[in-house]
Amino acid sequence: MPLPFPTRRAFLKSGALAVVGTAAIPSFLTRSVLAQATTAQAQGKRLVVIFQRGAADGLNIVVPWREKAYYDVRPTIAIPQKQVLDLDGFFGFHPAMAPLKPLWNQKHLAIVHACGSPDPTRSHFDAQDFMESGTPGMKATNDGWLNRALATETPAHHGESPFRAVALGTQLPRTLQGRIPAVAVNNVKNFTVGAAEPTQDFSTMYDESVNAVLHGTGQETFEAVRMLKATNPASYVPAAGANYPNTAFGNSMKQIAQLLKANLGVETAFADIGGWDTHQNQGSVNGQLAGRLKEMSESLAAFWTDMGDQAESITLVTMSEFGRTVHQNGTGGTDHGHANVMFVMGGQVAGGKVYGKWPGMEKNQLYEERDLAITTDFRQVLGESVYKTLGARNLNAVFPDSGIQSNRFPGLLKA
């Protein structure tokens, strides 16, 4: 017997997004969803956004190893010159980022240093909110920059897939909130977010539902989830050589690859990785930061390998709410700072280059005499990414009152 369908509401039970039933997929939905995938692939572009929550220390991630002041102000946590993975004679990777060095060498990875939000806050909550809304200093913004970018695409998305925008996690991130449908999924393999009883009656789940996790369009939403179930996600095997770490972020990147390969019309995907707030015992070559970088680098490198030829159509951008202080503190860590580093990875990236004007690290060059100064607004990086990847041409709608213009992009993407 066919299952009942909701009208325009998502279904959620105790934080759980679940599939009910395994009936055959109607041909009309197959045509609709696959048409969206074909359209997205014809455009040749998908955007993946990674948020490093906690304020990553950009100075120890991409090390200015030719900057004498760097070693003067970080006597125990600086990365020794002999262990830096040199990039261009001035900057180098932390050694834990070795898995990404081949992508740099192949010019599929670009770096933007001294980049960040112009808002001076050092509050994690406010800074993350401002960067995810794309409106620094404005707390009243009720949607995310990536959702607005999707909304400004050329209006050719009729009957679009509810998997057009996907976040890996238990709730929809600020970045994807807005009027464009988006879905948050924590476990593609089991099709749950949290825990759901597989024998539970669908109508009960529906009655207790809210639309905060999955914003859908009734029958097509429910059938699209069943379509994803039909891809047999439990049997997914990454491509040869794609060795994801068995961690939360590693699993998120593996599931993003799985979703992108499933031809369900995914245009944007989002994941985050925490643990970057290194106030104490940050470490140098080894330690807290090294562990975070190892996990992130291995996961991104595995994702690149896993996507194979499809990696050419993907742009991946990383961001964090702010950087950390230039000086190390008294507990072997760093405190909340200002400018940071962003990565842009993909087949169309003009990589093998560190972008942005380097401000220097002498005291008179620092922001408020303590932090690396910002010379590139993070919205320039995101603006170029959505303009050239998603075709979002109305930049003022994506980043209101920012002054971001296409003729002033850093030049990170070839087309």
Protein backbone atom coordinates (compact mmCIF):
# COMPACT_ATOMS: atom_id res chain seq x y z
CA MET A 1 0.00 0.00 0.00
CA PRO A 2 1.47 3.42 -0.88
CA LEU A 3 2.41 5.61 2.03
CA PRO A 4 0.61 8.90 2.75
CA PHE A 5 2.43 12.10 1.89
CA PRO A 6 2.73 15.40 3.76
CA THR A 7 1.64 18.56 2.04
CA ARG A 8 4.47 21.07 2.51
CA ARG A 9 5.97 20.06 5.83
CA ALA A 10 9.10 18.15 6.68
CA PHE A 11 9.04 15.19 9.03
CA LEU A 12 11.06 15.16 12.22
CA LYS A 13 10.93 12.89 15.26
CA SER A 14 13.19 13.64 18.21
CA GLY A 15 15.65 15.31 15.86
CA ALA A 16 15.33 12.41 13.40
CA LEU A 17 14.97 12.55 9.67
CA ALA A 18 13.94 9.06 8.58
CA VAL A 19 12.89 7.09 5.55
CA VAL A 20 9.71 5.05 5.89
CA GLY A 21 9.15 2.23 3.42
CA THR A 22 11.01 1.07 0.31
CA ALA A 23 8.30 1.15 -2.33
CA ALA A 24 9.18 1.63 -5.97
CA ILE A 25 10.05 5.18 -7.04
CA PRO A 26 7.47 6.80 -9.30
CA SER A 27 8.80 7.52 -12.77
CA PHE A 28 7.64 11.15 -12.67
CA LEU A 29 9.90 11.81 -9.69
CA THR A 30 12.82 9.99 -11.23
CA ARG A 31 12.54 12.20 -14.29
CA SER A 32 12.19 15.35 -12.18
CA VAL A 33 15.13 14.73 -9.88
CA LEU A 34 17.45 13.39 -12.54
CA ALA A 35 16.60 16.35 -14.73
CA GLN A 36 17.86 18.60 -11.97
CA ALA A 37 21.07 16.59 -11.69
CA THR A 38 21.54 16.80 -15.45
CA THR A 39 21.05 20.56 -15.35
CA ALA A 40 23.57 20.96 -12.54
CA GLN A 41 26.10 18.78 -14.32
CA ALA A 42 25.56 20.62 -17.60
CA GLN A 43 26.47 23.81 -15.77
CA GLY A 44 29.49 21.88 -14.55
CA LYS A 45 29.54 23.41 -11.10
CA ARG A 46 28.97 22.34 -7.46
CA LEU A 47 30.02 24.26 -4.34
CA VAL A 48 31.14 22.68 -1.04
CA VAL A 49 31.62 24.89 2.03
CA ILE A 50 33.58 23.85 5.13
CA PHE A 51 33.38 25.80 8.40
CA GLN A 52 36.22 25.41 10.91
CA ARG A 53 34.41 26.26 14.13
CA GLY A 54 36.40 27.67 17.02
CA ALA A 55 38.70 30.14 15.22
CA ALA A 56 41.60 28.35 13.56
CA ASP A 57 45.14 29.66 13.91
CA GLY A 58 45.92 30.65 10.35
CA LEU A 59 49.48 31.61 11.21
CA ASN A 60 50.37 28.04 12.16
CA ILE A 61 48.33 26.55 9.31
CA VAL A 62 49.93 28.52 6.50
CA VAL A 63 53.18 29.62 8.12
CA PRO A 64 54.97 32.84 7.11
CA TRP A 65 58.27 31.11 7.73
CA ARG A 66 60.36 33.91 6.24
CA GLU A 67 58.83 36.41 8.66
CA LYS A 68 61.30 36.93 11.53
CA ALA A 69 58.60 38.35 13.82
CA TYR A 70 56.67 35.08 13.55
CA TYR A 71 59.41 33.24 15.45
CA ASP A 72 60.00 36.14 17.86
CA VAL A 73 56.43 36.14 19.18
CA ARG A 74 55.87 32.37 19.21
CA PRO A 75 58.87 30.92 21.01
CA THR A 76 57.41 27.47 21.70
CA ILE A 77 54.52 27.01 19.25
CA ALA A 78 56.06 28.27 15.99
CA ILE A 79 56.64 25.65 13.29
CA PRO A 80 60.43 25.24 12.84
CA GLN A 81 61.61 26.31 9.40
CA LYS A 82 63.06 22.89 8.64
CA GLN A 83 59.67 21.25 9.21
CA VAL A 84 57.53 23.70 7.26
CA LEU A 85 56.30 22.34 3.92
CA ASP A 86 57.47 25.18 1.69
CA LEU A 87 54.94 26.56 -0.77
CA ASP A 88 56.46 29.61 -2.40
CA GLY A 89 59.62 30.57 -0.53
CA PHE A 90 57.76 32.69 2.04
CA PHE A 91 54.72 30.67 3.12
CA GLY A 92 54.54 26.98 3.97
CA PHE A 93 52.13 24.37 5.26
CA HIS A 94 52.09 23.01 8.77
CA PRO A 95 53.58 19.49 8.35
CA ALA A 96 50.25 17.89 9.32
CA MET A 97 48.85 19.25 6.05
CA ALA A 98 51.06 17.01 3.93
CA PRO A 99 48.04 15.24 2.36
CA LEU A 100 47.07 18.51 0.64
CA LYS A 101 50.52 19.33 -0.73
CA PRO A 102 49.96 17.32 -3.97
CA LEU A 103 46.84 19.39 -4.70
CA TRP A 104 48.90 22.55 -4.23
CA ASN A 105 51.56 21.20 -6.58
CA GLN A 106 48.87 20.35 -9.15
CA LYS A 107 47.48 23.91 -8.81
CA HIS A 108 44.10 22.68 -7.60
CA LEU A 109 44.49 24.43 -4.23
CA ALA A 110 44.71 28.18 -3.58
CA ILE A 111 45.20 30.06 -0.31
CA VAL A 112 43.95 33.48 0.76
CA HIS A 113 45.91 34.80 3.73
CA ALA A 114 45.17 37.79 5.97
CA CYS A 115 41.51 37.23 5.15
CA GLY A 116 38.44 37.57 7.33
CA SER A 117 35.46 39.56 8.53
CA PRO A 118 35.86 43.32 8.99
CA ASP A 119 33.72 43.18 12.13
CA PRO A 120 35.98 43.50 15.21
CA THR A 121 34.10 41.08 17.47
CA ARG A 122 36.05 38.35 19.23
CA SER A 123 32.89 36.48 20.24
CA HIS A 124 32.66 33.04 18.65
CA PHE A 125 28.87 33.24 18.55
CA ASP A 126 28.66 36.67 16.94
CA ALA A 127 31.53 36.12 14.52
CA GLN A 128 30.16 32.80 13.28
CA ASP A 129 26.73 34.36 12.90
CA PHE A 130 28.12 37.28 10.90
CA MET A 131 30.14 35.05 8.59
CA GLU A 132 27.29 32.61 8.03
CA SER A 133 24.79 35.38 7.39
CA GLY A 134 27.33 37.21 5.23
CA THR A 135 26.44 40.50 6.92
CA PRO A 136 29.19 41.44 9.40
CA GLY A 137 27.92 43.59 12.26
CA MET A 138 24.24 43.00 11.44
CA LYS A 139 22.41 40.70 13.85
CA ALA A 140 18.99 41.13 12.26
CA THR A 141 19.75 39.14 9.10
CA ASN A 142 17.46 36.12 9.05
CA ASP A 143 19.00 34.03 6.28
CA GLY A 144 22.41 32.75 5.19
CA TRP A 145 24.65 33.95 2.36
CA LEU A 146 24.66 30.57 0.62
CA ASN A 147 20.88 30.32 0.63
CA ARG A 148 20.68 33.82 -0.86
CA ALA A 149 23.22 32.82 -3.49
CA LEU A 150 21.00 29.93 -4.54
CA ALA A 151 18.02 32.28 -4.63
CA THR A 152 19.79 34.63 -7.05
CA GLU A 153 20.66 31.98 -9.63
CA THR A 154 19.04 32.20 -13.05
CA PRO A 155 15.43 31.09 -12.33
CA ALA A 156 15.47 27.75 -14.16
CA HIS A 157 14.80 25.51 -11.18
CA HIS A 158 11.19 24.43 -11.49
CA GLY A 159 10.33 21.28 -9.55
CA GLU A 160 13.84 21.32 -8.13
CA SER A 161 15.24 18.52 -6.04
CA PRO A 162 14.97 18.97 -2.27
CA PHE A 163 18.59 17.81 -2.22
CA ARG A 164 19.72 20.92 -4.07
CA ALA A 165 21.32 22.20 -0.83
CA VAL A 166 22.54 19.67 1.74
CA ALA A 167 24.27 20.03 5.11
CA LEU A 168 25.89 17.17 6.99
CA GLY A 169 24.77 17.44 10.60
CA THR A 170 21.87 17.32 13.01
CA GLN A 171 20.50 20.73 12.10
CA LEU A 172 20.51 23.18 9.23
CA PRO A 173 23.42 25.61 9.59
CA ARG A 174 22.91 29.36 9.54
CA THR A 175 24.65 29.46 6.14
CA LEU A 176 21.83 27.52 4.43
CA GLN A 177 18.80 28.97 6.21
CA GLY A 178 16.41 30.92 4.03
CA ARG A 179 13.66 30.56 1.47
CA ILE A 180 15.43 28.02 -0.77
CA PRO A 181 14.71 24.41 0.32
CA ALA A 182 17.63 22.76 2.13
CA VAL A 183 18.12 19.53 4.03
CA ALA A 184 20.30 18.54 6.98
CA VAL A 185 21.23 14.86 7.20
CA ASN A 186 23.48 13.39 9.86
CA ASN A 187 23.77 9.83 8.60
CA VAL A 188 23.23 9.05 4.94
CA LYS A 189 23.87 5.33 5.51
CA ASN A 190 21.02 4.90 7.98
CA PHE A 191 18.97 7.87 6.82
CA THR A 192 18.53 9.27 10.26
CA VAL A 193 19.40 12.40 12.11
CA GLY A 194 19.66 11.26 15.68
CA ALA A 195 17.59 8.11 16.30
CA ALA A 196 14.26 7.10 14.82
CA GLU A 197 12.26 3.96 15.30
CA PRO A 198 12.20 2.17 11.92
CA THR A 199 8.80 0.65 12.65
CA GLN A 200 7.20 3.93 13.60
CA ASP A 201 4.04 4.87 11.71
CA PHE A 202 4.70 7.65 9.20
CA SER A 203 1.63 9.59 10.20
CA THR A 204 2.91 9.76 13.78
CA MET A 205 6.23 11.10 12.59
CA TYR A 206 4.44 13.62 10.40
CA ASP A 207 2.17 14.77 13.19
CA GLU A 208 5.18 15.49 15.38
CA SER A 209 7.19 17.10 12.64
CA VAL A 210 8.61 20.58 12.19
CA ASN A 211 10.23 22.07 9.13
CA ALA A 212 13.53 23.16 10.69
CA VAL A 213 15.58 20.24 9.43
CA LEU A 214 14.10 19.42 6.05
CA HIS A 215 12.33 22.10 4.07
CA GLY A 216 10.49 20.24 1.36
CA THR A 217 7.61 20.25 -1.07
CA GLY A 218 5.35 17.42 0.01
CA GLN A 219 5.22 14.38 -2.21
CA GLU A 220 8.42 15.16 -4.09
CA THR A 221 10.37 15.59 -0.86
CA PHE A 222 9.28 12.28 0.57
CA GLU A 223 9.77 10.42 -2.69
CA ALA A 224 13.19 12.01 -3.20
CA VAL A 225 14.30 10.66 0.17
CA ARG A 226 13.05 7.26 -0.91
CA MET A 227 14.98 7.71 -4.14
CA LEU A 228 18.13 8.32 -2.15
CA LYS A 229 17.36 5.19 -0.16
CA ALA A 230 17.14 3.29 -3.44
CA THR A 231 20.79 4.13 -4.16
CA ASN A 232 21.62 1.64 -1.38
CA PRO A 233 23.86 3.99 0.62
CA ALA A 234 24.95 1.25 3.03
CA SER A 235 26.86 -0.38 0.19
CA TYR A 236 28.82 2.74 -0.77
CA VAL A 237 32.52 2.11 -1.37
CA PRO A 238 34.84 5.11 -1.93
CA ALA A 239 37.09 5.14 -4.97
CA ALA A 240 40.46 3.40 -4.77
CA GLY A 241 42.94 5.46 -2.79
CA ALA A 242 40.29 7.57 -1.05
CA ASN A 243 41.21 6.84 2.56
CA TYR A 244 38.87 8.84 4.78
CA PRO A 245 39.77 9.00 8.46
CA ASN A 246 37.16 7.34 10.67
CA THR A 247 36.18 10.61 12.33
CA ALA A 248 33.12 12.82 12.31
CA PHE A 249 34.53 15.13 9.66
CA GLY A 250 35.98 12.28 7.62
CA ASN A 251 32.57 10.64 7.57
CA SER A 252 30.91 13.94 6.62
CA MET A 253 33.19 14.34 3.61
CA LYS A 254 32.62 10.74 2.56
CA GLN A 255 28.86 11.26 2.72
CA ILE A 256 29.10 14.48 0.72
CA ALA A 257 31.00 12.57 -1.98
CA GLN A 258 28.31 9.90 -1.87
CA LEU A 259 25.52 12.44 -2.25
CA LEU A 260 27.26 14.25 -5.10
CA LYS A 261 27.77 10.98 -6.95
CA ALA A 262 24.14 9.92 -6.50
CA ASN A 263 22.87 12.33 -9.18
CA LEU A 264 20.17 13.78 -6.94
CA GLY A 265 20.60 17.38 -8.01
CA VAL A 266 22.95 18.50 -5.24
CA GLU A 267 24.39 21.93 -6.05
CA THR A 268 25.75 22.93 -2.67
CA ALA A 269 26.93 20.97 0.35
CA PHE A 270 28.05 22.12 3.79
CA ALA A 271 29.99 20.50 6.62
CA ASP A 272 31.81 21.75 9.68
CA ILE A 273 34.72 20.63 11.80
CA GLY A 274 35.19 21.84 15.37
CA GLY A 275 38.02 21.92 17.87
CA TRP A 276 40.00 24.94 16.67
CA ASP A 277 39.79 27.02 19.86
CA THR A 278 43.38 26.45 21.03
CA HIS A 279 43.75 28.66 24.10
CA GLN A 280 45.96 26.12 25.85
CA ASN A 281 48.60 23.61 24.77
CA GLN A 282 48.13 24.35 21.10
CA GLY A 283 51.36 22.64 20.24
CA SER A 284 53.75 23.14 17.36
CA VAL A 285 54.50 20.31 14.93
CA ASN A 286 52.50 18.04 17.24
CA GLY A 287 49.58 18.79 19.53
CA GLN A 288 45.96 19.94 19.36
CA LEU A 289 46.24 21.98 16.20
CA ALA A 290 48.25 19.30 14.42
CA GLY A 291 45.52 16.76 15.18
CA ARG A 292 42.81 18.99 13.73
CA LEU A 293 44.88 19.69 10.62
CA LYS A 294 45.68 16.03 10.07
CA GLU A 295 42.00 15.09 10.18
CA MET A 296 40.94 17.94 7.93
CA SER A 297 43.74 17.43 5.38
CA GLU A 298 43.26 13.67 5.15
CA SER A 299 39.50 14.11 4.76
CA LEU A 300 39.78 16.73 2.00
CA ALA A 301 42.45 14.76 0.15
CA ALA A 302 40.29 11.61 0.32
CA PHE A 303 37.28 13.59 -0.93
CA TRP A 304 39.27 14.85 -3.91
CA THR A 305 40.41 11.33 -4.78
CA ASP A 306 36.94 9.89 -4.24
CA MET A 307 35.29 12.35 -6.63
CA GLY A 308 37.65 11.42 -9.47
CA ASP A 309 36.81 13.22 -12.71
CA GLN A 310 33.84 14.91 -11.03
CA ALA A 311 36.28 16.88 -8.88
CA GLU A 312 36.78 19.10 -11.92
CA SER A 313 33.25 20.48 -11.46
CA ILE A 314 33.61 21.16 -7.72
CA THR A 315 34.76 24.24 -5.84
CA LEU A 316 35.43 23.74 -2.12
CA VAL A 317 35.93 26.69 0.23
CA THR A 318 37.01 26.69 3.88
CA MET A 319 36.34 29.40 6.45
CA SER A 320 36.64 30.07 10.18
CA GLU A 321 35.13 32.88 12.27
CA PHE A 322 38.41 34.68 12.96
CA GLY A 323 42.09 34.00 13.44
CA ARG A 324 44.16 34.01 16.61
CA THR A 325 46.58 36.37 18.30
CA VAL A 326 50.02 36.83 16.82
CA HIS A 327 51.67 36.32 20.22
CA GLN A 328 51.31 33.03 22.00
CA ASN A 329 49.84 33.30 25.48
CA GLY A 330 51.12 32.09 28.85
CA THR A 331 49.52 28.66 28.57
CA GLY A 332 51.11 27.61 25.31
CA GLY A 333 48.17 28.62 23.17
CA THR A 334 46.71 31.59 21.32
CA ASP A 335 43.70 33.79 22.02
CA HIS A 336 40.97 35.22 19.81
CA GLY A 337 42.38 37.28 16.98
CA HIS A 338 41.35 38.85 13.68
CA ALA A 339 42.66 37.90 10.20
CA ASN A 340 42.87 34.26 9.17
CA VAL A 341 43.42 31.99 6.16
CA MET A 342 40.93 30.51 3.69
CA PHE A 343 41.41 27.63 1.24
CA VAL A 344 39.81 27.25 -2.17
CA MET A 345 40.11 23.81 -3.79
CA GLY A 346 38.79 22.51 -7.07
CA GLY A 347 39.24 21.70 -10.72
CA GLN A 348 38.70 25.30 -11.86
CA VAL A 349 40.86 26.86 -9.15
CA ALA A 350 43.84 28.95 -10.18
CA GLY A 351 45.88 27.25 -7.49
CA GLY A 352 49.47 26.94 -6.40
CA LYS A 353 49.36 30.55 -5.21
CA VAL A 354 48.86 32.47 -1.96
CA TYR A 355 46.45 35.33 -2.65
CA GLY A 356 45.99 38.53 -0.68
CA LYS A 357 48.28 41.32 0.41
CA TRP A 358 50.51 40.28 3.31
CA PRO A 359 50.28 42.97 6.05
CA GLY A 360 53.35 41.94 8.05
CA MET A 361 53.75 40.97 11.68
CA GLU A 362 55.76 43.81 13.19
CA LYS A 363 53.98 45.59 16.04
CA ASN A 364 53.13 48.68 13.99
CA GLN A 365 51.63 46.46 11.26
CA LEU A 366 49.24 44.57 13.52
CA TYR A 367 45.55 45.17 14.06
CA GLU A 368 45.17 46.78 17.50
CA GLU A 369 48.85 45.89 18.02
CA ARG A 370 47.97 42.25 18.64
CA ASP A 371 46.45 40.56 15.59
CA LEU A 372 47.19 39.94 11.95
CA ALA A 373 45.43 42.66 9.96
CA ILE A 374 42.76 41.85 7.38
CA THR A 375 43.60 42.81 3.80
CA THR A 376 40.94 40.68 2.03
CA ASP A 377 37.28 40.67 3.04
CA PHE A 378 36.05 37.05 3.28
CA ARG A 379 33.07 38.03 1.15
CA GLN A 380 35.40 38.60 -1.80
CA VAL A 381 36.36 34.92 -1.66
CA LEU A 382 32.80 33.69 -1.18
CA GLY A 383 31.49 36.16 -3.74
CA GLU A 384 33.81 34.89 -6.45
CA SER A 385 32.94 31.32 -5.50
CA VAL A 386 29.17 31.75 -5.86
CA TYR A 387 29.47 33.98 -8.92
CA LYS A 388 31.67 31.59 -10.88
CA THR A 389 30.43 28.30 -9.44
CA LEU A 390 26.68 28.77 -8.95
CA GLY A 391 26.11 31.59 -11.40
CA ALA A 392 24.87 33.93 -8.66
CA ARG A 393 25.22 37.25 -10.45
CA ASN A 394 23.40 39.59 -8.04
CA LEU A 395 26.19 40.00 -5.51
CA ASN A 396 24.44 42.80 -3.67
CA ALA A 397 21.58 40.41 -2.90
CA VAL A 398 24.01 37.77 -1.66
CA PHE A 399 26.14 40.20 0.38
CA PRO A 400 24.05 43.32 1.00
CA ASP A 401 25.90 46.65 1.22
CA SER A 402 29.27 44.91 0.89
CA GLY A 403 30.42 46.63 -2.28
CA ILE A 404 31.58 43.27 -3.64
CA GLN A 405 32.00 43.51 -7.43
CA SER A 406 33.00 40.89 -9.96
CA ASN A 407 35.71 43.10 -11.48
CA ARG A 408 37.48 43.14 -8.10
CA PHE A 409 37.56 39.42 -7.43
CA PRO A 410 40.92 37.98 -6.29
CA GLY A 411 41.03 35.74 -9.38
CA LEU A 412 40.84 32.43 -7.53
CA LEU A 413 38.73 30.66 -10.16
CA LYS A 414 39.44 30.39 -13.86
CA ALA A 415 35.89 30.82 -15.03
